[in-house]
Amino acid sequence: MPIKMTKEYSLFSPGKLVVAAKDLHSTDDAPYLIELGSLGLILRGPTSRRSGEYLVQFLTNVNWWVRGEEINPYLGEKKKVCSLKLI
């Protein structure tokens, strides 16, 4: 029986869009905030020095190293459904 081959890919590879899974606060001297749902682009994946962290450039033009649990893959804009209730 033939087997259908599927191509696997990572949702967290460089060039993929992600969104902040929660509010992210900087630990630098100048406090900074990336809000929940902010869109970003992965520039670099984990390295030997930064295991489990991704370099993400958020739309506010901020490059930030974030942990994998602090971002979610961007899967496209969710369509809002309007429902009307008759009274």
C-alpha atoms as a PDB file:
ATOM      1  CA  MET A   1       0.000   0.000   0.000  1.00  0.00           C
ATOM      2  CA  PRO A   2       1.481   3.392  -0.960  1.00  0.00           C
ATOM      3  CA  ILE A   3       2.355   5.793   1.800  1.00  0.00           C
ATOM      4  CA  LYS A   4       1.751   9.498   1.323  1.00  0.00           C
ATOM      5  CA  MET A   5       4.915  11.414   2.139  1.00  0.00           C
ATOM      6  CA  THR A   6       4.431  14.664   3.990  1.00  0.00           C
ATOM      7  CA  LYS A   7       7.000  17.374   4.373  1.00  0.00           C
ATOM      8  CA  GLU A   8       7.678  18.349   7.972  1.00  0.00           C
ATOM      9  CA  TYR A   9       8.650  21.866   8.894  1.00  0.00           C
ATOM     10  CA  SER A  10       9.187  23.857  12.037  1.00  0.00           C
ATOM     11  CA  LEU A  11       6.860  26.659  13.039  1.00  0.00           C
ATOM     12  CA  PHE A  12       9.777  28.184  14.962  1.00  0.00           C
ATOM     13  CA  SER A  13      12.429  28.340  12.230  1.00  0.00           C
ATOM     14  CA  PRO A  14      14.041  31.595  11.047  1.00  0.00           C
ATOM     15  CA  GLY A  15      11.732  33.586   8.779  1.00  0.00           C
ATOM     16  CA  LYS A  16       8.524  32.375  10.451  1.00  0.00           C
ATOM     17  CA  LEU A  17       6.019  34.757  12.017  1.00  0.00           C
ATOM     18  CA  VAL A  18       5.179  34.444  15.705  1.00  0.00           C
ATOM     19  CA  VAL A  19       3.065  36.287  18.278  1.00  0.00           C
ATOM     20  CA  ALA A  20       3.876  37.033  21.892  1.00  0.00           C
ATOM     21  CA  ALA A  21       2.063  34.497  24.093  1.00  0.00           C
ATOM     22  CA  LYS A  22       2.065  36.919  27.041  1.00  0.00           C
ATOM     23  CA  ASP A  23       3.248  40.387  27.998  1.00  0.00           C
ATOM     24  CA  LEU A  24       7.058  40.393  27.859  1.00  0.00           C
ATOM     25  CA  HIS A  25       9.011  42.741  30.112  1.00  0.00           C
ATOM     26  CA  SER A  26      12.691  43.584  29.679  1.00  0.00           C
ATOM     27  CA  THR A  27      15.192  43.161  32.480  1.00  0.00           C
ATOM     28  CA  ASP A  28      17.439  45.947  31.171  1.00  0.00           C
ATOM     29  CA  ASP A  29      17.959  49.329  32.816  1.00  0.00           C
ATOM     30  CA  ALA A  30      15.426  50.902  30.453  1.00  0.00           C
ATOM     31  CA  PRO A  31      12.150  49.035  31.016  1.00  0.00           C
ATOM     32  CA  TYR A  32      10.371  47.908  27.876  1.00  0.00           C
ATOM     33  CA  LEU A  33       7.188  45.979  27.198  1.00  0.00           C
ATOM     34  CA  ILE A  34       6.114  43.741  24.327  1.00  0.00           C
ATOM     35  CA  GLU A  35       2.353  43.296  24.642  1.00  0.00           C
ATOM     36  CA  LEU A  36       0.458  40.024  24.383  1.00  0.00           C
ATOM     37  CA  GLY A  37      -0.308  39.260  20.722  1.00  0.00           C
ATOM     38  CA  SER A  38       2.480  41.443  19.265  1.00  0.00           C
ATOM     39  CA  LEU A  39       3.644  40.101  15.903  1.00  0.00           C
ATOM     40  CA  GLY A  40       7.290  39.249  15.327  1.00  0.00           C
ATOM     41  CA  LEU A  41       9.669  37.522  12.917  1.00  0.00           C
ATOM     42  CA  ILE A  42      12.154  34.869  14.039  1.00  0.00           C
ATOM     43  CA  LEU A  43      15.661  35.945  13.019  1.00  0.00           C
ATOM     44  CA  ARG A  44      17.671  33.172  14.677  1.00  0.00           C
ATOM     45  CA  GLY A  45      16.935  29.916  16.456  1.00  0.00           C
ATOM     46  CA  PRO A  46      18.479  28.473  19.623  1.00  0.00           C
ATOM     47  CA  THR A  47      22.264  28.442  19.885  1.00  0.00           C
ATOM     48  CA  SER A  48      24.678  26.623  22.169  1.00  0.00           C
ATOM     49  CA  ARG A  49      24.860  29.735  24.370  1.00  0.00           C
ATOM     50  CA  ARG A  50      21.096  30.404  24.288  1.00  0.00           C
ATOM     51  CA  SER A  51      19.485  26.991  24.436  1.00  0.00           C
ATOM     52  CA  GLY A  52      15.707  27.133  23.924  1.00  0.00           C
ATOM     53  CA  GLU A  53      15.705  30.847  23.034  1.00  0.00           C
ATOM     54  CA  TYR A  54      14.842  32.551  19.744  1.00  0.00           C
ATOM     55  CA  LEU A  55      15.911  35.963  18.473  1.00  0.00           C
ATOM     56  CA  VAL A  56      12.684  37.658  17.409  1.00  0.00           C
ATOM     57  CA  GLN A  57      12.262  41.069  15.794  1.00  0.00           C
ATOM     58  CA  PHE A  58       8.901  42.456  16.883  1.00  0.00           C
ATOM     59  CA  LEU A  59       7.024  45.028  14.802  1.00  0.00           C
ATOM     60  CA  THR A  60       8.094  47.735  17.222  1.00  0.00           C
ATOM     61  CA  ASN A  61      11.575  47.191  15.683  1.00  0.00           C
ATOM     62  CA  VAL A  62      12.849  45.534  18.844  1.00  0.00           C
ATOM     63  CA  ASN A  63      15.132  42.503  18.571  1.00  0.00           C
ATOM     64  CA  TRP A  64      14.654  40.309  21.595  1.00  0.00           C
ATOM     65  CA  TRP A  65      15.753  36.872  22.768  1.00  0.00           C
ATOM     66  CA  VAL A  66      12.647  35.046  24.009  1.00  0.00           C
ATOM     67  CA  ARG A  67      12.023  31.530  25.314  1.00  0.00           C
ATOM     68  CA  GLY A  68       9.952  29.154  23.227  1.00  0.00           C
ATOM     69  CA  GLU A  69       7.048  29.225  25.692  1.00  0.00           C
ATOM     70  CA  GLU A  70       6.832  33.027  25.409  1.00  0.00           C
ATOM     71  CA  ILE A  71       5.844  32.921  21.714  1.00  0.00           C
ATOM     72  CA  ASN A  72       3.266  31.107  19.616  1.00  0.00           C
ATOM     73  CA  PRO A  73       3.299  30.472  15.863  1.00  0.00           C
ATOM     74  CA  TYR A  74       1.305  32.964  13.803  1.00  0.00           C
ATOM     75  CA  LEU A  75      -1.323  30.919  12.005  1.00  0.00           C
ATOM     76  CA  GLY A  76      -3.049  33.749  10.173  1.00  0.00           C
ATOM     77  CA  GLU A  77      -5.699  36.198  11.175  1.00  0.00           C
ATOM     78  CA  LYS A  78      -8.702  34.588  12.807  1.00  0.00           C
ATOM     79  CA  LYS A  79     -11.943  35.477  11.107  1.00  0.00           C
ATOM     80  CA  LYS A  80     -14.521  36.995  13.381  1.00  0.00           C
ATOM     81  CA  VAL A  81     -18.003  35.660  13.054  1.00  0.00           C
ATOM     82  CA  CYS A  82     -20.872  38.009  13.708  1.00  0.00           C
ATOM     83  CA  SER A  83     -23.965  36.526  15.203  1.00  0.00           C
ATOM     84  CA  LEU A  84     -27.247  38.332  15.522  1.00  0.00           C
ATOM     85  CA  LYS A  85     -29.774  37.582  18.184  1.00  0.00           C
ATOM     86  CA  LEU A  86     -33.414  38.260  17.493  1.00  0.00           C
ATOM     87  CA  ILE A  87     -35.316  39.616  20.452  1.00  0.00           C
END
